[in-house]
Amino acid sequence: MAAAFNRLWFLVLPAFAIFLLFFLLPVLALLAIAFNPAKSGVVLFQPTLTLANFARWVSTSLYQQISEQGNWQFGATIAVILFAISLSAVYVYHRYTEMRIGGLL
């Protein structure tokens, strides 16, 4: 019984490897880059981590205006698109069930 349970993990390994390679490693790399000190012309990872990048982003009014306006426009656009998709899906579902069960929805 224990041998069969251990063999089942081999089915999970490919999915875990894909998750690790294409999601976890890039997210960790982005986190490392985000806390890396901003130095002009330096692309290598520096061992000293800092919050200066985030402090600069919060303290600059241009970044604040862009993020506030961009988030509002993005949220409104997504809301309108999802409303249109859900409205059309409900319409199609209603029409399909009406034809199938004689209008008892």
C-alpha atoms as a PDB file:
ATOM      1  CA  MET A   1       0.000   0.000   0.000  1.00  0.00           C
ATOM      2  CA  ALA A   2       2.796   2.419   0.857  1.00  0.00           C
ATOM      3  CA  ALA A   3       4.587   1.714  -2.419  1.00  0.00           C
ATOM      4  CA  ALA A   4       1.456   2.538  -4.435  1.00  0.00           C
ATOM      5  CA  PHE A   5       1.034   5.786  -2.507  1.00  0.00           C
ATOM      6  CA  ASN A   6       4.622   6.805  -3.215  1.00  0.00           C
ATOM      7  CA  ARG A   7       4.221   6.077  -6.923  1.00  0.00           C
ATOM      8  CA  LEU A   8       1.270   8.459  -7.120  1.00  0.00           C
ATOM      9  CA  TRP A   9       3.603  11.349  -6.364  1.00  0.00           C
ATOM     10  CA  PHE A  10       5.282  10.749  -9.727  1.00  0.00           C
ATOM     11  CA  LEU A  11       2.047  11.932 -11.347  1.00  0.00           C
ATOM     12  CA  VAL A  12       2.297  15.253  -9.487  1.00  0.00           C
ATOM     13  CA  LEU A  13       5.978  15.887 -10.222  1.00  0.00           C
ATOM     14  CA  PRO A  14       5.563  17.164 -13.828  1.00  0.00           C
ATOM     15  CA  ALA A  15       2.874  19.645 -12.776  1.00  0.00           C
ATOM     16  CA  PHE A  16       4.987  20.765  -9.823  1.00  0.00           C
ATOM     17  CA  ALA A  17       8.040  21.180 -12.068  1.00  0.00           C
ATOM     18  CA  ILE A  18       6.060  23.353 -14.498  1.00  0.00           C
ATOM     19  CA  PHE A  19       4.679  25.412 -11.602  1.00  0.00           C
ATOM     20  CA  LEU A  20       8.145  25.852 -10.164  1.00  0.00           C
ATOM     21  CA  LEU A  21       9.767  26.725 -13.488  1.00  0.00           C
ATOM     22  CA  PHE A  22       7.168  29.060 -14.946  1.00  0.00           C
ATOM     23  CA  PHE A  23       5.580  30.640 -11.858  1.00  0.00           C
ATOM     24  CA  LEU A  24       7.549  30.369  -8.651  1.00  0.00           C
ATOM     25  CA  LEU A  25      11.035  31.099  -9.989  1.00  0.00           C
ATOM     26  CA  PRO A  26       9.965  34.190 -12.019  1.00  0.00           C
ATOM     27  CA  VAL A  27       8.000  35.580  -9.066  1.00  0.00           C
ATOM     28  CA  LEU A  28      10.983  35.133  -6.758  1.00  0.00           C
ATOM     29  CA  ALA A  29      13.263  36.736  -9.351  1.00  0.00           C
ATOM     30  CA  LEU A  30      10.918  39.735  -9.630  1.00  0.00           C
ATOM     31  CA  LEU A  31      10.858  40.087  -5.859  1.00  0.00           C
ATOM     32  CA  ALA A  32      14.654  40.017  -5.755  1.00  0.00           C
ATOM     33  CA  ILE A  33      14.840  42.641  -8.505  1.00  0.00           C
ATOM     34  CA  ALA A  34      12.262  44.832  -6.755  1.00  0.00           C
ATOM     35  CA  PHE A  35      14.334  45.013  -3.583  1.00  0.00           C
ATOM     36  CA  ASN A  36      17.623  45.362  -5.461  1.00  0.00           C
ATOM     37  CA  PRO A  37      19.197  48.851  -5.243  1.00  0.00           C
ATOM     38  CA  ALA A  38      18.682  50.968  -8.349  1.00  0.00           C
ATOM     39  CA  LYS A  39      22.086  51.635  -9.895  1.00  0.00           C
ATOM     40  CA  SER A  40      22.473  52.985 -13.406  1.00  0.00           C
ATOM     41  CA  GLY A  41      24.077  50.473 -15.765  1.00  0.00           C
ATOM     42  CA  VAL A  42      24.120  47.600 -13.240  1.00  0.00           C
ATOM     43  CA  VAL A  43      22.028  44.616 -14.205  1.00  0.00           C
ATOM     44  CA  LEU A  44      23.478  41.994 -11.880  1.00  0.00           C
ATOM     45  CA  PHE A  45      21.839  41.105  -8.615  1.00  0.00           C
ATOM     46  CA  GLN A  46      23.316  43.026  -5.678  1.00  0.00           C
ATOM     47  CA  PRO A  47      23.422  41.245  -2.301  1.00  0.00           C
ATOM     48  CA  THR A  48      22.252  44.369  -0.447  1.00  0.00           C
ATOM     49  CA  LEU A  49      18.468  44.696  -0.467  1.00  0.00           C
ATOM     50  CA  THR A  50      16.710  48.018   0.033  1.00  0.00           C
ATOM     51  CA  LEU A  51      13.282  49.633   0.150  1.00  0.00           C
ATOM     52  CA  ALA A  52      14.505  52.766  -1.656  1.00  0.00           C
ATOM     53  CA  ASN A  53      12.730  51.810  -4.897  1.00  0.00           C
ATOM     54  CA  PHE A  54       9.369  51.687  -3.147  1.00  0.00           C
ATOM     55  CA  ALA A  55      10.063  54.872  -1.168  1.00  0.00           C
ATOM     56  CA  ARG A  56      10.844  56.704  -4.410  1.00  0.00           C
ATOM     57  CA  TRP A  57       7.652  55.412  -6.011  1.00  0.00           C
ATOM     58  CA  VAL A  58       5.495  56.522  -3.063  1.00  0.00           C
ATOM     59  CA  SER A  59       7.149  59.926  -2.707  1.00  0.00           C
ATOM     60  CA  THR A  60       6.918  60.976  -6.379  1.00  0.00           C
ATOM     61  CA  SER A  61       3.605  62.626  -7.248  1.00  0.00           C
ATOM     62  CA  LEU A  62       3.806  61.612 -10.915  1.00  0.00           C
ATOM     63  CA  TYR A  63       3.872  57.912  -9.999  1.00  0.00           C
ATOM     64  CA  GLN A  64       0.950  58.401  -7.626  1.00  0.00           C
ATOM     65  CA  GLN A  65      -1.169  60.123 -10.269  1.00  0.00           C
ATOM     66  CA  ILE A  66      -0.415  57.473 -12.870  1.00  0.00           C
ATOM     67  CA  SER A  67      -1.239  54.597 -10.529  1.00  0.00           C
ATOM     68  CA  GLU A  68      -4.480  56.159  -9.296  1.00  0.00           C
ATOM     69  CA  GLN A  69      -5.775  57.039 -12.750  1.00  0.00           C
ATOM     70  CA  GLY A  70      -4.585  53.803 -14.333  1.00  0.00           C
ATOM     71  CA  ASN A  71      -6.158  51.606 -11.668  1.00  0.00           C
ATOM     72  CA  TRP A  72      -9.503  53.388 -11.970  1.00  0.00           C
ATOM     73  CA  GLN A  73      -9.571  53.116 -15.757  1.00  0.00           C
ATOM     74  CA  PHE A  74      -8.432  49.492 -15.693  1.00  0.00           C
ATOM     75  CA  GLY A  75     -11.045  48.548 -13.104  1.00  0.00           C
ATOM     76  CA  ALA A  76     -13.838  50.279 -14.993  1.00  0.00           C
ATOM     77  CA  THR A  77     -12.826  48.659 -18.277  1.00  0.00           C
ATOM     78  CA  ILE A  78     -12.726  45.195 -16.739  1.00  0.00           C
ATOM     79  CA  ALA A  79     -16.099  45.764 -15.035  1.00  0.00           C
ATOM     80  CA  VAL A  80     -17.771  46.751 -18.320  1.00  0.00           C
ATOM     81  CA  ILE A  81     -16.236  43.811 -20.208  1.00  0.00           C
ATOM     82  CA  LEU A  82     -17.252  41.299 -17.532  1.00  0.00           C
ATOM     83  CA  PHE A  83     -20.764  42.747 -17.369  1.00  0.00           C
ATOM     84  CA  ALA A  84     -21.152  42.349 -21.136  1.00  0.00           C
ATOM     85  CA  ILE A  85     -19.840  38.786 -21.044  1.00  0.00           C
ATOM     86  CA  SER A  86     -22.069  37.775 -18.136  1.00  0.00           C
ATOM     87  CA  LEU A  87     -25.127  39.422 -19.679  1.00  0.00           C
ATOM     88  CA  SER A  88     -24.622  37.571 -22.942  1.00  0.00           C
ATOM     89  CA  ALA A  89     -23.971  34.292 -21.095  1.00  0.00           C
ATOM     90  CA  VAL A  90     -27.183  34.657 -19.092  1.00  0.00           C
ATOM     91  CA  TYR A  91     -29.119  35.455 -22.276  1.00  0.00           C
ATOM     92  CA  VAL A  92     -27.759  32.393 -24.082  1.00  0.00           C
ATOM     93  CA  TYR A  93     -28.401  30.182 -21.045  1.00  0.00           C
ATOM     94  CA  HIS A  94     -31.957  31.460 -20.740  1.00  0.00           C
ATOM     95  CA  ARG A  95     -32.701  30.913 -24.418  1.00  0.00           C
ATOM     96  CA  TYR A  96     -31.196  27.399 -24.353  1.00  0.00           C
ATOM     97  CA  THR A  97     -33.114  26.280 -21.274  1.00  0.00           C
ATOM     98  CA  GLU A  98     -36.315  27.850 -22.574  1.00  0.00           C
ATOM     99  CA  MET A  99     -36.133  25.786 -25.747  1.00  0.00           C
ATOM    100  CA  ARG A 100     -35.123  22.641 -23.880  1.00  0.00           C
ATOM    101  CA  ILE A 101     -37.554  22.544 -20.963  1.00  0.00           C
ATOM    102  CA  GLY A 102     -40.373  24.654 -22.307  1.00  0.00           C
ATOM    103  CA  GLY A 103     -39.674  27.938 -20.567  1.00  0.00           C
ATOM    104  CA  LEU A 104     -39.587  26.700 -16.963  1.00  0.00           C
ATOM    105  CA  LEU A 105     -36.560  28.562 -15.646  1.00  0.00           C
END
